[in-house]
Amino acid sequence: MAHIVGWIDGIFRGRVRGWVLDSTAPLRRVHVELIAPTEGRVAVACADHYRADVYKGGLSDGYCGFSIDAARVMAGASYRVFSIRPQVELTAASSPLGKQVRLERNGVMLHLDKPVRPPCLTGWAKCLKDPEVRRDLTLRWRGRALCRQKATLYRSASVAGGSDGFHGFALPLPELLEDLIVEDVLTGTEFSIPRT
């Protein structure tokens, strides 16, 4: 179901966090369930927590986040999160999405999940010298700003070098466009998005 859009930020302080929405009815609250292979259904939650990043991205009113107690999921164990009706598996930030791209310029690292496709351009970005400064990103197409967002989502893959892992982003991508640029606003550094 392509109209169910969501993301798992990962497990943080014993809870699986993320967001999910129905793009055809973004004000409808979606329920999610956490499933561990050895435990079966662990928990069910309504995705109704406020997410400023999703709201600022223009995807909904922002009340689409979820936080599920993961105490029954052993450290390092696999888990899956589904929207319940319709049943659609969400993508985990800790799982690779095919080939990934990592770009570095002017001390800023930009990691892109692949494939690049609507409705979101996802990944993480951080300054290598000062990883606690959140990157302010703008997605541009042929000189026009499409959207802007701070990279503040939790991404376990970005935890390194004193970083807390809150460097992820999900920039709304209304259609698949060529010549896309992600700009780090603070430094003016531009990254060309490779074609899929």
N, C-alpha and C. Protein backbone atom coordinates (compact mmCIF):
# COMPACT_ATOMS: atom_id res chain seq x y z
N MET A 1 0.84 -1.18 0.00
CA MET A 1 0.00 0.00 0.00
C MET A 1 0.88 1.24 0.00
N ALA A 2 1.06 1.85 -1.16
CA ALA A 2 1.96 2.99 -1.29
C ALA A 2 1.48 4.20 -0.51
N HIS A 3 0.18 4.26 -0.14
CA HIS A 3 -0.31 5.45 0.56
C HIS A 3 0.01 5.42 2.05
N ILE A 4 0.48 4.28 2.59
CA ILE A 4 0.93 4.22 3.97
C ILE A 4 2.41 4.58 4.00
N VAL A 5 2.74 5.69 4.64
CA VAL A 5 4.10 6.20 4.67
C VAL A 5 4.57 6.20 6.11
N GLY A 6 5.75 5.65 6.36
CA GLY A 6 6.23 5.63 7.73
C GLY A 6 7.71 5.37 7.83
N TRP A 7 8.21 5.48 9.03
CA TRP A 7 9.64 5.33 9.27
C TRP A 7 9.86 4.91 10.71
N ILE A 8 10.82 4.03 10.92
CA ILE A 8 11.22 3.64 12.27
C ILE A 8 12.54 4.32 12.58
N ASP A 9 12.56 5.16 13.62
CA ASP A 9 13.79 5.83 14.01
C ASP A 9 14.77 4.86 14.65
N GLY A 10 14.24 3.82 15.30
CA GLY A 10 15.08 2.84 15.98
C GLY A 10 14.65 2.68 17.42
N ILE A 11 15.43 1.89 18.19
CA ILE A 11 15.14 1.69 19.61
C ILE A 11 15.98 2.68 20.39
N PHE A 12 15.33 3.50 21.21
CA PHE A 12 16.01 4.51 22.02
C PHE A 12 15.43 4.49 23.41
N ARG A 13 16.30 4.27 24.41
CA ARG A 13 15.88 4.18 25.81
C ARG A 13 14.74 3.19 26.00
N GLY A 14 14.89 2.03 25.37
CA GLY A 14 13.96 0.93 25.57
C GLY A 14 12.65 1.04 24.83
N ARG A 15 12.53 1.98 23.89
CA ARG A 15 11.28 2.14 23.15
C ARG A 15 11.57 2.23 21.66
N VAL A 16 10.72 1.59 20.85
CA VAL A 16 10.81 1.73 19.40
C VAL A 16 10.04 2.99 19.03
N ARG A 17 10.71 3.90 18.34
CA ARG A 17 10.10 5.18 17.99
C ARG A 17 10.07 5.34 16.47
N GLY A 18 9.05 6.06 15.99
CA GLY A 18 8.94 6.32 14.57
C GLY A 18 7.67 7.10 14.27
N TRP A 19 7.27 7.08 13.01
CA TRP A 19 6.04 7.74 12.62
C TRP A 19 5.43 7.02 11.43
N VAL A 20 4.12 7.18 11.29
CA VAL A 20 3.41 6.55 10.18
C VAL A 20 2.14 7.34 9.91
N LEU A 21 1.77 7.44 8.63
CA LEU A 21 0.53 8.12 8.27
C LEU A 21 -0.02 7.55 6.97
N ASP A 22 -1.28 7.84 6.74
CA ASP A 22 -1.96 7.48 5.50
C ASP A 22 -1.97 8.74 4.64
N SER A 23 -1.20 8.75 3.55
CA SER A 23 -1.07 9.96 2.74
C SER A 23 -2.38 10.36 2.07
N THR A 24 -3.33 9.42 1.94
CA THR A 24 -4.63 9.76 1.35
C THR A 24 -5.58 10.35 2.38
N ALA A 25 -5.29 10.14 3.67
CA ALA A 25 -6.08 10.71 4.77
C ALA A 25 -5.13 11.02 5.92
N PRO A 26 -4.29 12.08 5.77
CA PRO A 26 -3.22 12.32 6.75
C PRO A 26 -3.69 12.68 8.15
N LEU A 27 -4.97 13.00 8.35
CA LEU A 27 -5.47 13.29 9.69
C LEU A 27 -6.02 12.04 10.38
N ARG A 28 -6.12 10.94 9.65
CA ARG A 28 -6.56 9.67 10.25
C ARG A 28 -5.38 9.06 11.00
N ARG A 29 -5.60 8.64 12.23
CA ARG A 29 -4.53 8.05 13.03
C ARG A 29 -4.39 6.57 12.70
N VAL A 30 -3.16 6.15 12.48
CA VAL A 30 -2.86 4.77 12.12
C VAL A 30 -2.38 4.03 13.36
N HIS A 31 -2.80 2.78 13.53
CA HIS A 31 -2.32 1.94 14.63
C HIS A 31 -1.19 1.06 14.11
N VAL A 32 -0.20 0.83 14.97
CA VAL A 32 0.95 0.00 14.60
C VAL A 32 1.12 -1.11 15.62
N GLU A 33 1.76 -2.20 15.18
CA GLU A 33 2.08 -3.30 16.09
C GLU A 33 3.54 -3.66 15.93
N LEU A 34 4.15 -4.01 17.06
CA LEU A 34 5.54 -4.43 17.11
C LEU A 34 5.57 -5.94 17.21
N ILE A 35 6.31 -6.58 16.30
CA ILE A 35 6.38 -8.04 16.27
C ILE A 35 7.85 -8.46 16.36
N ALA A 36 8.16 -9.33 17.30
CA ALA A 36 9.50 -9.92 17.41
C ALA A 36 9.38 -11.39 17.00
N PRO A 37 10.32 -11.90 16.20
CA PRO A 37 10.20 -13.26 15.69
C PRO A 37 10.01 -14.32 16.77
N THR A 38 10.65 -14.16 17.92
CA THR A 38 10.54 -15.19 18.97
C THR A 38 9.37 -14.94 19.90
N GLU A 39 8.84 -13.72 19.94
CA GLU A 39 7.79 -13.37 20.89
C GLU A 39 6.42 -13.22 20.23
N GLY A 40 6.39 -13.03 18.91
CA GLY A 40 5.13 -12.71 18.25
C GLY A 40 4.79 -11.25 18.50
N ARG A 41 3.50 -10.95 18.56
CA ARG A 41 3.07 -9.56 18.79
C ARG A 41 3.49 -9.12 20.18
N VAL A 42 4.28 -8.06 20.25
CA VAL A 42 4.79 -7.55 21.52
C VAL A 42 3.90 -6.44 22.05
N ALA A 43 3.50 -5.51 21.17
CA ALA A 43 2.70 -4.37 21.63
C ALA A 43 1.99 -3.74 20.45
N VAL A 44 0.93 -2.99 20.78
CA VAL A 44 0.17 -2.23 19.79
C VAL A 44 0.08 -0.79 20.29
N ALA A 45 0.16 0.18 19.36
CA ALA A 45 0.08 1.59 19.75
C ALA A 45 -0.59 2.39 18.65
N CYS A 46 -1.18 3.49 19.05
CA CYS A 46 -1.76 4.44 18.10
C CYS A 46 -0.70 5.48 17.77
N ALA A 47 -0.48 5.74 16.49
CA ALA A 47 0.51 6.74 16.06
C ALA A 47 -0.14 8.12 16.13
N ASP A 48 -0.13 8.71 17.33
CA ASP A 48 -0.77 10.01 17.52
C ASP A 48 0.10 10.99 18.31
N HIS A 49 1.41 10.68 18.46
CA HIS A 49 2.33 11.59 19.14
C HIS A 49 2.76 12.68 18.16
N TYR A 50 2.97 13.88 18.67
CA TYR A 50 3.34 14.99 17.80
C TYR A 50 4.78 14.85 17.32
N ARG A 51 4.99 15.02 16.01
CA ARG A 51 6.31 15.01 15.40
C ARG A 51 6.50 16.30 14.62
N ALA A 52 7.28 17.23 15.19
CA ALA A 52 7.50 18.52 14.55
C ALA A 52 8.18 18.36 13.20
N ASP A 53 9.08 17.35 13.07
CA ASP A 53 9.79 17.17 11.81
C ASP A 53 8.84 16.79 10.68
N VAL A 54 7.86 15.96 10.98
CA VAL A 54 6.89 15.56 9.95
C VAL A 54 5.98 16.73 9.60
N TYR A 55 5.56 17.48 10.64
CA TYR A 55 4.72 18.66 10.38
C TYR A 55 5.46 19.69 9.53
N LYS A 56 6.71 19.99 9.90
CA LYS A 56 7.49 20.97 9.14
C LYS A 56 7.77 20.48 7.73
N GLY A 57 7.79 19.16 7.54
CA GLY A 57 7.98 18.60 6.21
C GLY A 57 6.74 18.66 5.34
N GLY A 58 5.61 19.09 5.93
CA GLY A 58 4.38 19.25 5.16
C GLY A 58 3.64 17.97 4.86
N LEU A 59 3.92 16.90 5.61
CA LEU A 59 3.28 15.62 5.32
C LEU A 59 1.95 15.45 6.03
N SER A 60 1.77 16.11 7.18
CA SER A 60 0.50 15.97 7.93
C SER A 60 0.46 17.06 8.99
N ASP A 61 -0.50 16.93 9.94
CA ASP A 61 -0.57 17.87 11.05
C ASP A 61 0.48 17.57 12.11
N GLY A 62 1.28 16.53 11.89
CA GLY A 62 2.36 16.17 12.80
C GLY A 62 2.01 15.15 13.85
N TYR A 63 0.73 14.86 14.06
CA TYR A 63 0.32 13.90 15.09
C TYR A 63 0.29 12.49 14.50
N CYS A 64 1.47 11.96 14.23
CA CYS A 64 1.57 10.64 13.58
C CYS A 64 2.74 9.82 14.14
N GLY A 65 3.32 10.27 15.25
CA GLY A 65 4.45 9.55 15.83
C GLY A 65 4.00 8.44 16.76
N PHE A 66 4.87 7.46 16.96
CA PHE A 66 4.57 6.39 17.91
C PHE A 66 5.81 6.08 18.75
N SER A 67 5.56 5.53 19.92
CA SER A 67 6.61 5.10 20.85
C SER A 67 6.10 3.84 21.52
N ILE A 68 6.77 2.72 21.25
CA ILE A 68 6.30 1.42 21.74
C ILE A 68 7.34 0.84 22.68
N ASP A 69 6.90 0.35 23.84
CA ASP A 69 7.79 -0.27 24.81
C ASP A 69 8.42 -1.52 24.18
N ALA A 70 9.74 -1.53 24.14
CA ALA A 70 10.46 -2.65 23.51
C ALA A 70 11.17 -3.51 24.55
N ALA A 71 10.69 -3.49 25.79
CA ALA A 71 11.36 -4.24 26.85
C ALA A 71 11.43 -5.73 26.55
N ARG A 72 10.43 -6.25 25.81
CA ARG A 72 10.41 -7.69 25.51
C ARG A 72 11.24 -8.03 24.28
N VAL A 73 11.81 -7.02 23.62
CA VAL A 73 12.69 -7.29 22.48
C VAL A 73 14.12 -7.29 22.98
N MET A 74 14.78 -8.44 22.91
CA MET A 74 16.14 -8.56 23.42
C MET A 74 17.09 -7.67 22.63
N ALA A 75 18.12 -7.16 23.30
CA ALA A 75 19.11 -6.31 22.64
C ALA A 75 19.71 -7.04 21.45
N GLY A 76 19.72 -6.37 20.31
CA GLY A 76 20.29 -6.96 19.10
C GLY A 76 19.34 -7.86 18.34
N ALA A 77 18.16 -8.17 18.93
CA ALA A 77 17.20 -9.06 18.25
C ALA A 77 16.50 -8.31 17.13
N SER A 78 16.04 -9.04 16.15
CA SER A 78 15.31 -8.41 15.06
C SER A 78 13.86 -8.15 15.50
N TYR A 79 13.24 -7.19 14.86
CA TYR A 79 11.85 -6.87 15.15
C TYR A 79 11.25 -6.27 13.89
N ARG A 80 9.93 -6.24 13.83
CA ARG A 80 9.22 -5.67 12.68
C ARG A 80 8.08 -4.82 13.21
N VAL A 81 7.80 -3.72 12.51
CA VAL A 81 6.69 -2.85 12.87
C VAL A 81 5.75 -2.76 11.67
N PHE A 82 4.45 -3.01 11.92
CA PHE A 82 3.45 -2.97 10.86
C PHE A 82 2.37 -1.96 11.20
N SER A 83 1.84 -1.28 10.18
CA SER A 83 0.56 -0.61 10.38
C SER A 83 -0.46 -1.74 10.36
N ILE A 84 -1.53 -1.60 11.14
CA ILE A 84 -2.46 -2.73 11.30
C ILE A 84 -3.47 -2.83 10.16
N ARG A 85 -4.14 -1.73 9.84
CA ARG A 85 -5.13 -1.77 8.75
C ARG A 85 -4.88 -0.60 7.82
N PRO A 86 -4.35 -0.82 6.62
CA PRO A 86 -3.91 -2.10 6.08
C PRO A 86 -2.57 -2.52 6.69
N GLN A 87 -2.25 -3.81 6.59
CA GLN A 87 -1.01 -4.28 7.19
C GLN A 87 0.15 -4.02 6.23
N VAL A 88 0.97 -3.06 6.61
CA VAL A 88 2.13 -2.67 5.80
C VAL A 88 3.33 -2.61 6.73
N GLU A 89 4.42 -3.25 6.34
CA GLU A 89 5.63 -3.23 7.17
C GLU A 89 6.36 -1.90 6.96
N LEU A 90 6.75 -1.28 8.06
CA LEU A 90 7.49 -0.02 8.00
C LEU A 90 8.98 -0.31 7.87
N THR A 91 9.70 0.67 7.38
CA THR A 91 11.14 0.52 7.19
C THR A 91 11.88 0.89 8.46
N ALA A 92 12.81 0.07 8.87
CA ALA A 92 13.63 0.35 10.05
C ALA A 92 14.87 1.11 9.64
N ALA A 93 15.16 2.17 10.39
CA ALA A 93 16.33 2.99 10.07
C ALA A 93 17.61 2.20 10.18
N SER A 94 17.62 1.16 11.00
CA SER A 94 18.84 0.38 11.17
C SER A 94 19.03 -0.65 10.08
N SER A 95 18.04 -0.82 9.21
CA SER A 95 18.14 -1.79 8.13
C SER A 95 18.50 -1.07 6.83
N PRO A 96 19.45 -1.61 6.07
CA PRO A 96 19.83 -0.95 4.83
C PRO A 96 18.72 -1.02 3.80
N LEU A 97 18.54 0.04 3.03
CA LEU A 97 17.56 0.08 1.96
C LEU A 97 18.31 -0.06 0.63
N GLY A 98 18.74 -1.25 0.34
CA GLY A 98 19.51 -1.43 -0.89
C GLY A 98 20.85 -0.72 -0.77
N LYS A 99 21.38 -0.26 -1.89
CA LYS A 99 22.65 0.45 -1.91
C LYS A 99 22.47 1.83 -1.27
N GLN A 100 23.43 2.22 -0.45
CA GLN A 100 23.39 3.51 0.21
C GLN A 100 24.51 4.39 -0.33
N VAL A 101 24.34 5.69 -0.19
CA VAL A 101 25.33 6.64 -0.69
C VAL A 101 25.79 7.51 0.47
N ARG A 102 27.10 7.66 0.63
CA ARG A 102 27.64 8.54 1.66
C ARG A 102 28.55 9.55 0.98
N LEU A 103 28.23 10.83 1.19
CA LEU A 103 28.98 11.93 0.58
C LEU A 103 29.59 12.78 1.69
N GLU A 104 30.79 13.32 1.43
CA GLU A 104 31.43 14.18 2.42
C GLU A 104 32.03 15.39 1.72
N ARG A 105 31.76 16.57 2.28
CA ARG A 105 32.27 17.82 1.71
C ARG A 105 32.31 18.89 2.79
N ASN A 106 33.40 19.64 2.87
CA ASN A 106 33.55 20.75 3.83
C ASN A 106 33.27 20.32 5.27
N GLY A 107 33.65 19.09 5.61
CA GLY A 107 33.46 18.61 6.98
C GLY A 107 32.05 18.17 7.32
N VAL A 108 31.16 18.16 6.33
CA VAL A 108 29.78 17.70 6.53
C VAL A 108 29.60 16.37 5.83
N MET A 109 29.05 15.39 6.55
CA MET A 109 28.78 14.08 5.96
C MET A 109 27.28 13.95 5.71
N LEU A 110 26.91 13.54 4.50
CA LEU A 110 25.52 13.30 4.13
C LEU A 110 25.40 11.84 3.71
N HIS A 111 24.52 11.13 4.39
CA HIS A 111 24.27 9.72 4.10
C HIS A 111 22.86 9.61 3.53
N LEU A 112 22.72 9.05 2.34
CA LEU A 112 21.41 8.90 1.69
C LEU A 112 21.01 7.44 1.65
N ASP A 113 19.76 7.17 2.06
CA ASP A 113 19.23 5.83 1.90
C ASP A 113 18.84 5.65 0.44
N LYS A 114 19.00 4.46 -0.07
CA LYS A 114 18.61 4.17 -1.45
C LYS A 114 17.55 3.08 -1.40
N PRO A 115 16.65 3.02 -2.33
CA PRO A 115 16.58 3.93 -3.47
C PRO A 115 15.93 5.27 -3.09
N VAL A 116 16.28 6.30 -3.85
CA VAL A 116 15.65 7.61 -3.69
C VAL A 116 14.32 7.57 -4.42
N ARG A 117 13.23 7.74 -3.69
CA ARG A 117 11.92 7.69 -4.33
C ARG A 117 10.89 8.41 -3.46
N PRO A 118 9.82 8.92 -4.09
CA PRO A 118 8.76 9.56 -3.31
C PRO A 118 8.18 8.54 -2.33
N PRO A 119 7.62 8.96 -1.21
CA PRO A 119 7.30 10.34 -0.85
C PRO A 119 8.40 11.05 -0.06
N CYS A 120 9.53 10.38 0.25
CA CYS A 120 10.55 11.02 1.08
C CYS A 120 11.96 10.71 0.59
N LEU A 121 12.84 11.69 0.76
CA LEU A 121 14.27 11.49 0.61
C LEU A 121 14.78 11.34 2.03
N THR A 122 15.35 10.19 2.38
CA THR A 122 15.73 9.91 3.76
C THR A 122 17.22 9.67 3.89
N GLY A 123 17.71 9.90 5.09
CA GLY A 123 19.12 9.67 5.39
C GLY A 123 19.51 10.38 6.66
N TRP A 124 20.79 10.69 6.81
CA TRP A 124 21.25 11.45 7.96
C TRP A 124 22.42 12.33 7.55
N ALA A 125 22.62 13.41 8.33
CA ALA A 125 23.68 14.38 8.04
C ALA A 125 24.26 14.89 9.34
N LYS A 126 25.59 15.05 9.37
CA LYS A 126 26.22 15.62 10.57
C LYS A 126 27.55 16.25 10.21
N CYS A 127 27.98 17.17 11.07
CA CYS A 127 29.29 17.80 10.96
C CYS A 127 30.28 16.88 11.67
N LEU A 128 31.37 16.54 11.00
CA LEU A 128 32.32 15.60 11.58
C LEU A 128 33.08 16.21 12.76
N LYS A 129 33.33 17.52 12.73
CA LYS A 129 34.07 18.17 13.82
C LYS A 129 33.19 18.47 15.02
N ASP A 130 31.92 18.75 14.80
CA ASP A 130 31.00 19.09 15.88
C ASP A 130 29.67 18.37 15.65
N PRO A 131 29.62 17.05 15.94
CA PRO A 131 28.43 16.26 15.61
C PRO A 131 27.17 16.63 16.37
N GLU A 132 27.28 17.41 17.45
CA GLU A 132 26.07 17.75 18.22
C GLU A 132 25.32 18.95 17.62
N VAL A 133 25.92 19.64 16.65
CA VAL A 133 25.21 20.72 15.97
C VAL A 133 24.30 20.09 14.91
N ARG A 134 22.98 20.31 15.04
CA ARG A 134 22.02 19.71 14.10
C ARG A 134 22.11 20.43 12.76
N ARG A 135 22.14 19.67 11.70
CA ARG A 135 22.25 20.24 10.36
C ARG A 135 20.88 20.73 9.90
N ASP A 136 20.86 21.90 9.33
CA ASP A 136 19.65 22.50 8.76
C ASP A 136 19.75 22.27 7.25
N LEU A 137 18.85 21.46 6.70
CA LEU A 137 18.95 21.04 5.30
C LEU A 137 17.82 21.63 4.46
N THR A 138 18.16 22.00 3.23
CA THR A 138 17.18 22.44 2.25
C THR A 138 17.29 21.55 1.03
N LEU A 139 16.16 21.04 0.56
CA LEU A 139 16.12 20.27 -0.68
C LEU A 139 15.78 21.23 -1.81
N ARG A 140 16.65 21.30 -2.82
CA ARG A 140 16.47 22.23 -3.94
C ARG A 140 16.36 21.48 -5.25
N TRP A 141 15.58 22.08 -6.14
CA TRP A 141 15.44 21.56 -7.50
C TRP A 141 15.54 22.73 -8.47
N ARG A 142 16.61 22.73 -9.25
CA ARG A 142 16.86 23.78 -10.24
C ARG A 142 16.74 25.18 -9.64
N GLY A 143 17.39 25.36 -8.49
CA GLY A 143 17.44 26.67 -7.84
C GLY A 143 16.26 27.00 -6.94
N ARG A 144 15.21 26.17 -6.97
CA ARG A 144 14.01 26.43 -6.16
C ARG A 144 14.02 25.55 -4.92
N ALA A 145 13.76 26.15 -3.75
CA ALA A 145 13.70 25.38 -2.51
C ALA A 145 12.38 24.62 -2.45
N LEU A 146 12.45 23.30 -2.30
CA LEU A 146 11.24 22.47 -2.19
C LEU A 146 10.80 22.33 -0.74
N CYS A 147 11.77 22.18 0.18
CA CYS A 147 11.44 22.06 1.59
C CYS A 147 12.71 22.26 2.41
N ARG A 148 12.53 22.46 3.71
CA ARG A 148 13.65 22.68 4.62
C ARG A 148 13.35 21.96 5.93
N GLN A 149 14.40 21.36 6.53
CA GLN A 149 14.19 20.59 7.76
C GLN A 149 15.50 20.46 8.53
N LYS A 150 15.41 20.47 9.86
CA LYS A 150 16.58 20.15 10.67
C LYS A 150 16.70 18.63 10.77
N ALA A 151 17.92 18.13 10.70
CA ALA A 151 18.17 16.70 10.78
C ALA A 151 18.22 16.31 12.25
N THR A 152 17.08 15.87 12.80
CA THR A 152 16.97 15.57 14.23
C THR A 152 16.37 14.20 14.53
N LEU A 153 16.08 13.39 13.52
CA LEU A 153 15.52 12.06 13.75
C LEU A 153 16.62 11.12 14.24
N TYR A 154 16.27 10.16 15.08
CA TYR A 154 17.26 9.22 15.58
C TYR A 154 17.62 8.21 14.49
N ARG A 155 18.91 8.07 14.21
CA ARG A 155 19.41 7.07 13.27
C ARG A 155 20.59 6.35 13.92
N SER A 156 20.40 5.09 14.23
CA SER A 156 21.43 4.33 14.93
C SER A 156 22.73 4.27 14.13
N ALA A 157 22.62 4.29 12.80
CA ALA A 157 23.82 4.20 11.95
C ALA A 157 24.70 5.44 12.07
N SER A 158 24.17 6.54 12.59
CA SER A 158 24.94 7.78 12.68
C SER A 158 25.64 7.94 14.03
N VAL A 159 25.47 6.95 14.93
CA VAL A 159 26.11 7.02 16.24
C VAL A 159 27.58 6.64 16.10
N ALA A 160 28.46 7.61 16.24
CA ALA A 160 29.91 7.39 16.19
C ALA A 160 30.59 8.70 16.52
N GLY A 161 31.79 8.62 17.03
CA GLY A 161 32.59 9.81 17.28
C GLY A 161 31.94 10.80 18.23
N GLY A 162 31.33 10.31 19.30
CA GLY A 162 30.71 11.20 20.28
C GLY A 162 29.33 11.68 19.88
N SER A 163 28.77 11.13 18.83
CA SER A 163 27.46 11.55 18.36
C SER A 163 26.36 10.80 19.10
N ASP A 164 25.22 11.49 19.33
CA ASP A 164 24.08 10.85 20.00
C ASP A 164 23.12 10.17 19.03
N GLY A 165 23.33 10.31 17.73
CA GLY A 165 22.50 9.62 16.74
C GLY A 165 21.31 10.39 16.23
N PHE A 166 21.05 11.58 16.75
CA PHE A 166 19.89 12.35 16.30
C PHE A 166 20.28 13.24 15.11
N HIS A 167 20.49 12.60 13.96
CA HIS A 167 20.95 13.29 12.76
C HIS A 167 20.11 12.95 11.52
N GLY A 168 19.03 12.21 11.69
CA GLY A 168 18.26 11.74 10.55
C GLY A 168 17.31 12.78 9.99
N PHE A 169 16.93 12.58 8.73
CA PHE A 169 15.95 13.46 8.09
C PHE A 169 15.05 12.65 7.18
N ALA A 170 13.88 13.20 6.89
CA ALA A 170 12.93 12.64 5.93
C ALA A 170 12.33 13.82 5.19
N LEU A 171 12.98 14.22 4.10
CA LEU A 171 12.55 15.39 3.33
C LEU A 171 11.45 14.98 2.35
N PRO A 172 10.30 15.65 2.37
CA PRO A 172 9.22 15.30 1.45
C PRO A 172 9.68 15.43 0.00
N LEU A 173 9.36 14.42 -0.79
CA LEU A 173 9.75 14.39 -2.20
C LEU A 173 8.48 14.12 -3.00
N PRO A 174 7.81 15.17 -3.51
CA PRO A 174 6.51 15.00 -4.15
C PRO A 174 6.53 14.17 -5.41
N GLU A 175 7.62 14.21 -6.16
CA GLU A 175 7.77 13.39 -7.35
C GLU A 175 9.24 13.16 -7.57
N LEU A 176 9.55 12.17 -8.38
CA LEU A 176 10.95 11.85 -8.63
C LEU A 176 11.51 12.84 -9.64
N LEU A 177 12.41 13.70 -9.18
CA LEU A 177 12.95 14.75 -10.03
C LEU A 177 14.45 14.54 -10.23
N GLU A 178 14.96 14.99 -11.36
CA GLU A 178 16.40 14.98 -11.59
C GLU A 178 16.98 16.31 -11.12
N ASP A 179 18.29 16.36 -11.01
CA ASP A 179 19.01 17.59 -10.62
C ASP A 179 18.64 18.07 -9.22
N LEU A 180 18.41 17.14 -8.28
CA LEU A 180 18.11 17.51 -6.90
C LEU A 180 19.40 17.83 -6.15
N ILE A 181 19.32 18.81 -5.28
CA ILE A 181 20.45 19.24 -4.45
C ILE A 181 19.99 19.27 -3.00
N VAL A 182 20.80 18.73 -2.09
CA VAL A 182 20.59 18.94 -0.66
C VAL A 182 21.65 19.93 -0.20
N GLU A 183 21.20 21.05 0.38
CA GLU A 183 22.12 22.09 0.85
C GLU A 183 22.15 22.11 2.37
N ASP A 184 23.36 22.12 2.94
CA ASP A 184 23.54 22.36 4.36
C ASP A 184 23.53 23.87 4.53
N VAL A 185 22.48 24.41 5.14
CA VAL A 185 22.25 25.85 5.18
C VAL A 185 23.37 26.59 5.91
N LEU A 186 23.85 26.05 7.02
CA LEU A 186 24.85 26.73 7.84
C LEU A 186 26.16 26.97 7.07
N THR A 187 26.60 25.96 6.32
CA THR A 187 27.89 26.07 5.62
C THR A 187 27.71 26.43 4.14
N GLY A 188 26.48 26.30 3.61
CA GLY A 188 26.26 26.52 2.18
C GLY A 188 26.74 25.37 1.31
N THR A 189 27.12 24.26 1.94
CA THR A 189 27.60 23.09 1.21
C THR A 189 26.46 22.42 0.47
N GLU A 190 26.67 22.13 -0.80
CA GLU A 190 25.64 21.50 -1.64
C GLU A 190 26.07 20.09 -2.03
N PHE A 191 25.10 19.17 -1.99
CA PHE A 191 25.32 17.79 -2.39
C PHE A 191 24.35 17.45 -3.52
N SER A 192 24.86 17.01 -4.64
CA SER A 192 24.01 16.55 -5.74
C SER A 192 23.52 15.15 -5.42
N ILE A 193 22.21 14.94 -5.59
CA ILE A 193 21.62 13.64 -5.31
C ILE A 193 21.80 12.75 -6.54
N PRO A 194 22.51 11.62 -6.39
CA PRO A 194 22.72 10.74 -7.54
C PRO A 194 21.42 10.19 -8.07
N ARG A 195 21.36 9.94 -9.37
CA ARG A 195 20.17 9.33 -9.97
C ARG A 195 20.00 7.92 -9.42
N THR A 196 18.75 7.45 -9.37
CA THR A 196 18.49 6.10 -8.87
C THR A 196 18.87 5.08 -9.91
